[in-house]
């Protein structure tokens, strides 16, 4: 995949990183601070869906690029990228699920049928997924920079 002769992966990767880190940070804040959750509203699930899409595009373009650059450093980056694809998409799903169970709109549709302990457990899981996504994003980016600049 190229854009005007340039590989797509390096063109979209930084945009994806910004979205991953912003959405992951927002998810943690939404779990910890109910006022933030009310303030961000629809932004969290929409950001999560955009992030999942961007992660998928970035990983797919990276797969194409890695076919032409097969080195041990690129393979290491590709392994981290596959893990980040999984966590990025999981983060997108977690933001939507958490929003559904905590937003006024979602609670109205669900009728407050979920026990409070389950909402707490899902919130903790969403925050842990977000924190892990931040760490994996950093490690993936570091391995990519090492593959390019070493």
N, C-alpha and C. Protein backbone atom coordinates (compact mmCIF):
# COMPACT_ATOMS: atom_id res chain seq x y z
N UNK A 1 0.84 -1.17 0.00
CA UNK A 1 0.00 0.00 0.00
C UNK A 1 0.89 1.24 0.00
N UNK A 2 0.65 2.10 -0.97
CA UNK A 2 1.43 3.33 -1.05
C UNK A 2 0.52 4.52 -1.32
N UNK A 3 1.03 5.68 -0.98
CA UNK A 3 0.37 6.94 -1.27
C UNK A 3 1.40 7.80 -1.99
N UNK A 4 1.17 8.03 -3.26
CA UNK A 4 2.10 8.81 -4.08
C UNK A 4 3.52 8.26 -4.00
N UNK A 5 3.62 6.93 -4.00
CA UNK A 5 4.91 6.26 -3.98
C UNK A 5 5.50 6.03 -2.60
N UNK A 6 4.90 6.61 -1.56
CA UNK A 6 5.40 6.41 -0.19
C UNK A 6 4.61 5.29 0.48
N UNK A 7 5.28 4.45 1.26
CA UNK A 7 4.55 3.39 1.97
C UNK A 7 3.52 4.00 2.94
N UNK A 8 2.37 3.39 3.00
CA UNK A 8 1.27 3.89 3.85
C UNK A 8 1.61 3.79 5.34
N UNK A 9 2.32 2.74 5.73
CA UNK A 9 2.56 2.49 7.15
C UNK A 9 3.20 3.68 7.88
N UNK A 10 4.32 4.21 7.41
CA UNK A 10 4.90 5.35 8.15
C UNK A 10 4.04 6.61 8.07
N UNK A 11 3.13 6.68 7.13
CA UNK A 11 2.26 7.85 7.03
C UNK A 11 1.13 7.81 8.05
N UNK A 12 0.64 6.63 8.39
CA UNK A 12 -0.50 6.54 9.31
C UNK A 12 -0.11 6.15 10.73
N UNK A 13 1.12 5.67 10.92
CA UNK A 13 1.50 5.12 12.21
C UNK A 13 1.46 6.18 13.32
N UNK A 14 1.90 7.39 13.04
CA UNK A 14 1.93 8.40 14.10
C UNK A 14 0.52 8.86 14.48
N UNK A 15 -0.36 8.94 13.51
CA UNK A 15 -1.75 9.28 13.78
C UNK A 15 -2.38 8.20 14.68
N UNK A 16 -2.07 6.96 14.38
CA UNK A 16 -2.59 5.84 15.16
C UNK A 16 -2.05 5.87 16.59
N UNK A 17 -0.77 6.16 16.74
CA UNK A 17 -0.17 6.22 18.07
C UNK A 17 -0.86 7.28 18.92
N UNK A 18 -1.09 8.44 18.33
CA UNK A 18 -1.75 9.52 19.08
C UNK A 18 -3.14 9.07 19.53
N UNK A 19 -3.90 8.46 18.64
CA UNK A 19 -5.24 7.99 19.01
C UNK A 19 -5.18 6.90 20.08
N UNK A 20 -4.25 5.96 19.93
CA UNK A 20 -4.13 4.90 20.93
C UNK A 20 -3.87 5.48 22.32
N UNK A 21 -2.93 6.39 22.41
CA UNK A 21 -2.57 6.94 23.71
C UNK A 21 -3.68 7.83 24.27
N UNK A 22 -4.31 8.63 23.42
CA UNK A 22 -5.39 9.48 23.91
C UNK A 22 -6.59 8.66 24.39
N UNK A 23 -6.98 7.69 23.61
CA UNK A 23 -8.15 6.88 23.98
C UNK A 23 -7.84 6.02 25.21
N UNK A 24 -6.65 5.45 25.27
CA UNK A 24 -6.29 4.65 26.44
C UNK A 24 -6.28 5.53 27.70
N UNK A 25 -5.68 6.71 27.60
CA UNK A 25 -5.69 7.62 28.74
C UNK A 25 -7.08 8.05 29.13
N UNK A 26 -7.91 8.33 28.13
CA UNK A 26 -9.30 8.73 28.41
C UNK A 26 -10.07 7.59 29.05
N UNK A 27 -9.79 6.36 28.64
CA UNK A 27 -10.49 5.21 29.25
C UNK A 27 -10.13 5.09 30.73
N UNK A 28 -8.86 5.24 31.05
CA UNK A 28 -8.45 5.18 32.46
C UNK A 28 -9.13 6.30 33.25
N UNK A 29 -9.12 7.52 32.71
CA UNK A 29 -9.76 8.64 33.39
C UNK A 29 -11.27 8.42 33.55
N UNK A 30 -11.89 7.84 32.53
CA UNK A 30 -13.34 7.58 32.61
C UNK A 30 -13.67 6.59 33.72
N UNK A 31 -12.80 5.63 33.94
CA UNK A 31 -13.04 4.66 35.01
C UNK A 31 -12.82 5.31 36.38
N UNK A 32 -11.78 6.14 36.48
CA UNK A 32 -11.42 6.72 37.78
C UNK A 32 -12.24 7.94 38.17
N UNK A 33 -12.68 8.71 37.16
CA UNK A 33 -13.34 9.99 37.44
C UNK A 33 -14.71 10.06 36.76
N UNK A 34 -15.78 9.87 37.50
CA UNK A 34 -17.12 9.94 36.90
C UNK A 34 -17.40 11.27 36.22
N UNK A 35 -16.86 12.37 36.73
CA UNK A 35 -17.07 13.68 36.09
C UNK A 35 -16.44 13.72 34.69
N UNK A 36 -15.27 13.11 34.56
CA UNK A 36 -14.64 13.04 33.24
C UNK A 36 -15.48 12.19 32.30
N UNK A 37 -15.99 11.08 32.81
CA UNK A 37 -16.83 10.19 32.01
C UNK A 37 -18.04 10.94 31.49
N UNK A 38 -18.66 11.76 32.34
CA UNK A 38 -19.83 12.55 31.91
C UNK A 38 -19.41 13.61 30.90
N UNK A 39 -18.24 14.20 31.09
CA UNK A 39 -17.77 15.25 30.19
C UNK A 39 -17.46 14.71 28.80
N UNK A 40 -16.79 13.56 28.72
CA UNK A 40 -16.35 13.05 27.42
C UNK A 40 -17.50 12.41 26.65
N UNK A 41 -18.49 11.89 27.35
CA UNK A 41 -19.70 11.38 26.70
C UNK A 41 -19.44 10.43 25.55
N UNK A 42 -20.02 10.76 24.39
CA UNK A 42 -19.92 9.94 23.19
C UNK A 42 -18.50 9.89 22.63
N UNK A 43 -17.65 10.82 23.06
CA UNK A 43 -16.28 10.89 22.54
C UNK A 43 -15.48 9.64 22.82
N UNK A 44 -15.70 9.02 23.96
CA UNK A 44 -14.92 7.83 24.31
C UNK A 44 -15.23 6.64 23.38
N UNK A 45 -16.49 6.25 23.22
CA UNK A 45 -16.73 5.11 22.32
C UNK A 45 -16.40 5.44 20.86
N UNK A 46 -16.66 6.68 20.43
CA UNK A 46 -16.30 7.04 19.06
C UNK A 46 -14.79 7.00 18.87
N UNK A 47 -14.05 7.53 19.84
CA UNK A 47 -12.59 7.47 19.78
C UNK A 47 -12.09 6.04 19.77
N UNK A 48 -12.74 5.18 20.55
CA UNK A 48 -12.36 3.77 20.58
C UNK A 48 -12.57 3.08 19.25
N UNK A 49 -13.68 3.39 18.59
CA UNK A 49 -13.95 2.79 17.27
C UNK A 49 -12.97 3.30 16.22
N UNK A 50 -12.68 4.60 16.25
CA UNK A 50 -11.70 5.16 15.31
C UNK A 50 -10.33 4.54 15.56
N UNK A 51 -9.98 4.39 16.81
CA UNK A 51 -8.69 3.79 17.15
C UNK A 51 -8.59 2.36 16.65
N UNK A 52 -9.63 1.57 16.85
CA UNK A 52 -9.62 0.18 16.38
C UNK A 52 -9.44 0.14 14.86
N UNK A 53 -10.12 1.02 14.15
CA UNK A 53 -9.98 1.07 12.70
C UNK A 53 -8.56 1.48 12.30
N UNK A 54 -8.02 2.51 12.95
CA UNK A 54 -6.66 2.96 12.63
C UNK A 54 -5.62 1.88 12.91
N UNK A 55 -5.79 1.17 14.02
CA UNK A 55 -4.86 0.09 14.35
C UNK A 55 -4.91 -0.98 13.28
N UNK A 56 -6.10 -1.31 12.83
CA UNK A 56 -6.24 -2.33 11.79
C UNK A 56 -5.56 -1.88 10.49
N UNK A 57 -5.78 -0.63 10.08
CA UNK A 57 -5.16 -0.09 8.85
C UNK A 57 -3.64 -0.06 8.99
N UNK A 58 -3.17 0.40 10.13
CA UNK A 58 -1.72 0.51 10.34
C UNK A 58 -1.07 -0.87 10.34
N UNK A 59 -1.68 -1.84 10.99
CA UNK A 59 -1.12 -3.18 11.01
C UNK A 59 -1.14 -3.82 9.62
N UNK A 60 -2.23 -3.62 8.89
CA UNK A 60 -2.31 -4.18 7.53
C UNK A 60 -1.25 -3.57 6.63
N UNK A 61 -1.05 -2.27 6.73
CA UNK A 61 -0.03 -1.63 5.91
C UNK A 61 1.37 -2.04 6.36
N UNK A 62 1.54 -2.30 7.65
CA UNK A 62 2.82 -2.80 8.14
C UNK A 62 3.11 -4.20 7.64
N UNK A 63 2.07 -5.04 7.54
CA UNK A 63 2.25 -6.39 7.00
C UNK A 63 2.76 -6.34 5.56
N UNK A 64 2.20 -5.43 4.77
CA UNK A 64 2.63 -5.28 3.38
C UNK A 64 4.08 -4.80 3.33
N UNK A 65 4.41 -3.83 4.16
CA UNK A 65 5.76 -3.27 4.16
C UNK A 65 6.78 -4.29 4.65
N UNK A 66 6.42 -5.11 5.62
CA UNK A 66 7.38 -6.09 6.16
C UNK A 66 7.72 -7.17 5.14
N UNK A 67 6.86 -7.38 4.15
CA UNK A 67 7.16 -8.36 3.11
C UNK A 67 8.37 -7.94 2.28
N UNK A 68 8.60 -6.64 2.19
CA UNK A 68 9.73 -6.14 1.39
C UNK A 68 10.97 -5.85 2.23
N UNK A 69 10.83 -5.85 3.55
CA UNK A 69 11.94 -5.56 4.46
C UNK A 69 11.99 -6.65 5.54
N UNK A 70 12.64 -7.75 5.23
CA UNK A 70 12.64 -8.89 6.15
C UNK A 70 13.98 -8.96 6.88
N UNK A 71 14.02 -8.33 8.06
CA UNK A 71 15.20 -8.39 8.93
C UNK A 71 14.74 -8.82 10.32
N UNK A 72 15.67 -9.27 11.16
CA UNK A 72 15.27 -9.65 12.52
C UNK A 72 14.62 -8.50 13.30
N UNK A 73 15.12 -7.27 13.11
CA UNK A 73 14.53 -6.14 13.81
C UNK A 73 13.11 -5.84 13.33
N UNK A 74 12.89 -5.98 12.03
CA UNK A 74 11.54 -5.77 11.49
C UNK A 74 10.61 -6.88 11.97
N UNK A 75 11.11 -8.10 12.04
CA UNK A 75 10.29 -9.20 12.54
C UNK A 75 9.89 -8.98 14.01
N UNK A 76 10.83 -8.47 14.81
CA UNK A 76 10.52 -8.16 16.21
C UNK A 76 9.44 -7.08 16.28
N UNK A 77 9.58 -6.04 15.45
CA UNK A 77 8.58 -4.98 15.41
C UNK A 77 7.23 -5.53 14.95
N UNK A 78 7.27 -6.42 13.99
CA UNK A 78 6.03 -7.02 13.50
C UNK A 78 5.33 -7.83 14.59
N UNK A 79 6.12 -8.54 15.40
CA UNK A 79 5.54 -9.31 16.52
C UNK A 79 4.86 -8.37 17.52
N UNK A 80 5.54 -7.27 17.86
CA UNK A 80 4.92 -6.29 18.76
C UNK A 80 3.68 -5.68 18.12
N UNK A 81 3.77 -5.42 16.82
CA UNK A 81 2.63 -4.83 16.10
C UNK A 81 1.41 -5.73 16.11
N UNK A 82 1.63 -7.03 15.99
CA UNK A 82 0.50 -7.98 16.04
C UNK A 82 -0.16 -7.94 17.42
N UNK A 83 0.67 -7.87 18.46
CA UNK A 83 0.12 -7.77 19.82
C UNK A 83 -0.63 -6.46 20.00
N UNK A 84 -0.07 -5.38 19.45
CA UNK A 84 -0.74 -4.08 19.56
C UNK A 84 -2.04 -4.06 18.78
N UNK A 85 -2.08 -4.74 17.64
CA UNK A 85 -3.34 -4.83 16.89
C UNK A 85 -4.42 -5.46 17.78
N UNK A 86 -4.08 -6.55 18.43
CA UNK A 86 -5.03 -7.22 19.31
C UNK A 86 -5.48 -6.30 20.44
N UNK A 87 -4.52 -5.64 21.10
CA UNK A 87 -4.88 -4.78 22.22
C UNK A 87 -5.60 -3.51 21.75
N UNK A 88 -5.22 -2.97 20.61
CA UNK A 88 -5.89 -1.77 20.10
C UNK A 88 -7.36 -2.03 19.77
N UNK A 89 -7.62 -3.15 19.14
CA UNK A 89 -9.01 -3.50 18.82
C UNK A 89 -9.77 -3.84 20.10
N UNK A 90 -9.12 -4.54 21.03
CA UNK A 90 -9.75 -4.84 22.32
C UNK A 90 -10.07 -3.56 23.08
N UNK A 91 -9.15 -2.59 23.03
CA UNK A 91 -9.40 -1.30 23.67
C UNK A 91 -10.63 -0.63 23.05
N UNK A 92 -10.75 -0.68 21.74
CA UNK A 92 -11.92 -0.10 21.07
C UNK A 92 -13.21 -0.74 21.55
N UNK A 93 -13.21 -2.05 21.66
CA UNK A 93 -14.39 -2.76 22.16
C UNK A 93 -14.66 -2.41 23.62
N UNK A 94 -13.59 -2.35 24.42
CA UNK A 94 -13.74 -2.05 25.85
C UNK A 94 -14.33 -0.66 26.07
N UNK A 95 -13.93 0.32 25.24
CA UNK A 95 -14.47 1.67 25.41
C UNK A 95 -15.96 1.69 25.13
N UNK A 96 -16.37 0.96 24.11
CA UNK A 96 -17.80 0.92 23.77
C UNK A 96 -18.59 0.21 24.86
N UNK A 97 -18.10 -0.93 25.31
CA UNK A 97 -18.80 -1.69 26.36
C UNK A 97 -18.89 -0.86 27.64
N UNK A 98 -17.77 -0.25 28.04
CA UNK A 98 -17.79 0.53 29.27
C UNK A 98 -18.74 1.71 29.16
N UNK A 99 -18.73 2.36 27.99
CA UNK A 99 -19.66 3.47 27.79
C UNK A 99 -21.11 2.99 27.87
N UNK A 100 -21.39 1.84 27.26
CA UNK A 100 -22.76 1.31 27.27
C UNK A 100 -23.25 1.03 28.69
N UNK A 101 -22.38 0.56 29.56
CA UNK A 101 -22.83 0.18 30.90
C UNK A 101 -22.79 1.34 31.89
N UNK A 102 -22.17 2.48 31.50
CA UNK A 102 -22.07 3.59 32.45
C UNK A 102 -22.74 4.88 31.98
N UNK A 103 -23.01 5.01 30.71
CA UNK A 103 -23.60 6.26 30.21
C UNK A 103 -25.10 6.30 30.51
N UNK A 104 -25.66 7.50 30.62
CA UNK A 104 -27.11 7.59 30.82
C UNK A 104 -27.89 6.89 29.70
N UNK A 105 -27.43 7.06 28.46
CA UNK A 105 -28.10 6.42 27.33
C UNK A 105 -28.07 4.90 27.46
N UNK A 106 -26.88 4.36 27.78
CA UNK A 106 -26.74 2.91 27.92
C UNK A 106 -27.52 2.36 29.08
N UNK A 107 -27.48 3.07 30.22
CA UNK A 107 -28.23 2.60 31.40
C UNK A 107 -29.73 2.64 31.13
N UNK A 108 -30.17 3.63 30.35
CA UNK A 108 -31.59 3.69 30.00
C UNK A 108 -31.98 2.49 29.15
N UNK A 109 -31.12 2.12 28.19
CA UNK A 109 -31.42 0.98 27.32
C UNK A 109 -31.32 -0.34 28.06
N UNK A 110 -30.32 -0.44 28.96
CA UNK A 110 -30.15 -1.68 29.72
C UNK A 110 -31.08 -1.74 30.92
N UNK A 111 -31.62 -0.60 31.32
CA UNK A 111 -32.54 -0.57 32.46
C UNK A 111 -31.86 -0.84 33.78
N UNK A 112 -30.59 -0.48 33.89
CA UNK A 112 -29.83 -0.71 35.12
C UNK A 112 -29.93 -2.18 35.57
N UNK A 113 -29.89 -3.08 34.61
CA UNK A 113 -30.01 -4.51 34.92
C UNK A 113 -28.71 -5.14 35.41
N UNK A 114 -27.59 -4.47 35.18
CA UNK A 114 -26.32 -5.05 35.58
C UNK A 114 -26.03 -4.78 37.05
N UNK A 115 -25.57 -5.79 37.78
CA UNK A 115 -25.21 -5.55 39.18
C UNK A 115 -24.00 -4.63 39.27
N UNK A 116 -23.92 -3.85 40.34
CA UNK A 116 -22.86 -2.86 40.48
C UNK A 116 -21.48 -3.52 40.52
N UNK A 117 -21.37 -4.72 41.07
CA UNK A 117 -20.07 -5.38 41.12
C UNK A 117 -19.57 -5.71 39.71
N UNK A 118 -20.49 -6.05 38.80
CA UNK A 118 -20.10 -6.35 37.43
C UNK A 118 -19.63 -5.09 36.71
N UNK A 119 -20.29 -3.98 36.95
CA UNK A 119 -19.86 -2.70 36.37
C UNK A 119 -18.46 -2.37 36.87
N UNK A 120 -18.20 -2.61 38.16
CA UNK A 120 -16.88 -2.35 38.73
C UNK A 120 -15.82 -3.25 38.09
N UNK A 121 -16.13 -4.52 37.96
CA UNK A 121 -15.18 -5.47 37.35
C UNK A 121 -14.90 -5.09 35.90
N UNK A 122 -15.93 -4.73 35.15
CA UNK A 122 -15.73 -4.33 33.75
C UNK A 122 -14.93 -3.03 33.66
N UNK A 123 -15.14 -2.12 34.60
CA UNK A 123 -14.36 -0.89 34.64
C UNK A 123 -12.89 -1.17 34.90
N UNK A 124 -12.61 -2.05 35.86
CA UNK A 124 -11.22 -2.42 36.15
C UNK A 124 -10.59 -3.09 34.93
N UNK A 125 -11.33 -3.98 34.29
CA UNK A 125 -10.81 -4.66 33.09
C UNK A 125 -10.52 -3.65 31.99
N UNK A 126 -11.42 -2.69 31.77
CA UNK A 126 -11.20 -1.67 30.73
C UNK A 126 -9.97 -0.82 31.03
N UNK A 127 -9.79 -0.47 32.31
CA UNK A 127 -8.62 0.33 32.69
C UNK A 127 -7.33 -0.48 32.52
N UNK A 128 -7.36 -1.76 32.84
CA UNK A 128 -6.17 -2.60 32.67
C UNK A 128 -5.84 -2.79 31.19
N UNK A 129 -6.85 -2.97 30.37
CA UNK A 129 -6.64 -3.08 28.92
C UNK A 129 -6.01 -1.78 28.40
N UNK A 130 -6.51 -0.65 28.87
CA UNK A 130 -5.98 0.65 28.45
C UNK A 130 -4.53 0.81 28.88
N UNK A 131 -4.22 0.46 30.13
CA UNK A 131 -2.84 0.59 30.62
C UNK A 131 -1.90 -0.33 29.84
N UNK A 132 -2.33 -1.56 29.60
CA UNK A 132 -1.51 -2.48 28.81
C UNK A 132 -1.31 -1.97 27.40
N UNK A 133 -2.34 -1.36 26.83
CA UNK A 133 -2.23 -0.80 25.47
C UNK A 133 -1.19 0.31 25.43
N UNK A 134 -1.13 1.13 26.45
CA UNK A 134 -0.13 2.20 26.50
C UNK A 134 1.28 1.59 26.51
N UNK A 135 1.50 0.60 27.35
CA UNK A 135 2.82 -0.05 27.44
C UNK A 135 3.18 -0.70 26.10
N UNK A 136 2.25 -1.44 25.53
CA UNK A 136 2.53 -2.14 24.27
C UNK A 136 2.75 -1.14 23.13
N UNK A 137 2.04 -0.02 23.14
CA UNK A 137 2.26 1.02 22.13
C UNK A 137 3.69 1.54 22.21
N UNK A 138 4.17 1.79 23.41
CA UNK A 138 5.54 2.28 23.60
C UNK A 138 6.55 1.25 23.12
N UNK A 139 6.36 0.00 23.51
CA UNK A 139 7.30 -1.06 23.11
C UNK A 139 7.29 -1.30 21.60
N UNK A 140 6.10 -1.23 21.01
CA UNK A 140 6.01 -1.40 19.55
C UNK A 140 6.69 -0.25 18.84
N UNK A 141 6.44 0.96 19.31
CA UNK A 141 7.09 2.12 18.70
C UNK A 141 8.59 2.08 18.84
N UNK A 142 9.07 1.66 19.99
CA UNK A 142 10.52 1.57 20.20
C UNK A 142 11.14 0.54 19.25
N UNK A 143 10.49 -0.60 19.12
CA UNK A 143 11.03 -1.63 18.22
C UNK A 143 10.98 -1.16 16.76
N UNK A 144 9.96 -0.39 16.40
CA UNK A 144 9.90 0.15 15.04
C UNK A 144 10.99 1.18 14.79
N UNK A 145 11.21 2.05 15.76
CA UNK A 145 12.28 3.05 15.61
C UNK A 145 13.64 2.36 15.53
N UNK A 146 13.83 1.33 16.34
CA UNK A 146 15.09 0.58 16.30
C UNK A 146 15.27 -0.09 14.94
N UNK A 147 14.19 -0.64 14.40
CA UNK A 147 14.29 -1.29 13.09
C UNK A 147 14.62 -0.30 11.98
N UNK A 148 14.13 0.91 12.08
CA UNK A 148 14.36 1.90 11.03
C UNK A 148 15.71 2.58 11.19
N UNK A 149 16.09 2.92 12.42
CA UNK A 149 17.25 3.77 12.64
C UNK A 149 18.51 3.02 13.06
N UNK A 150 18.45 1.71 13.23
CA UNK A 150 19.64 0.96 13.64
C UNK A 150 20.38 0.40 12.46
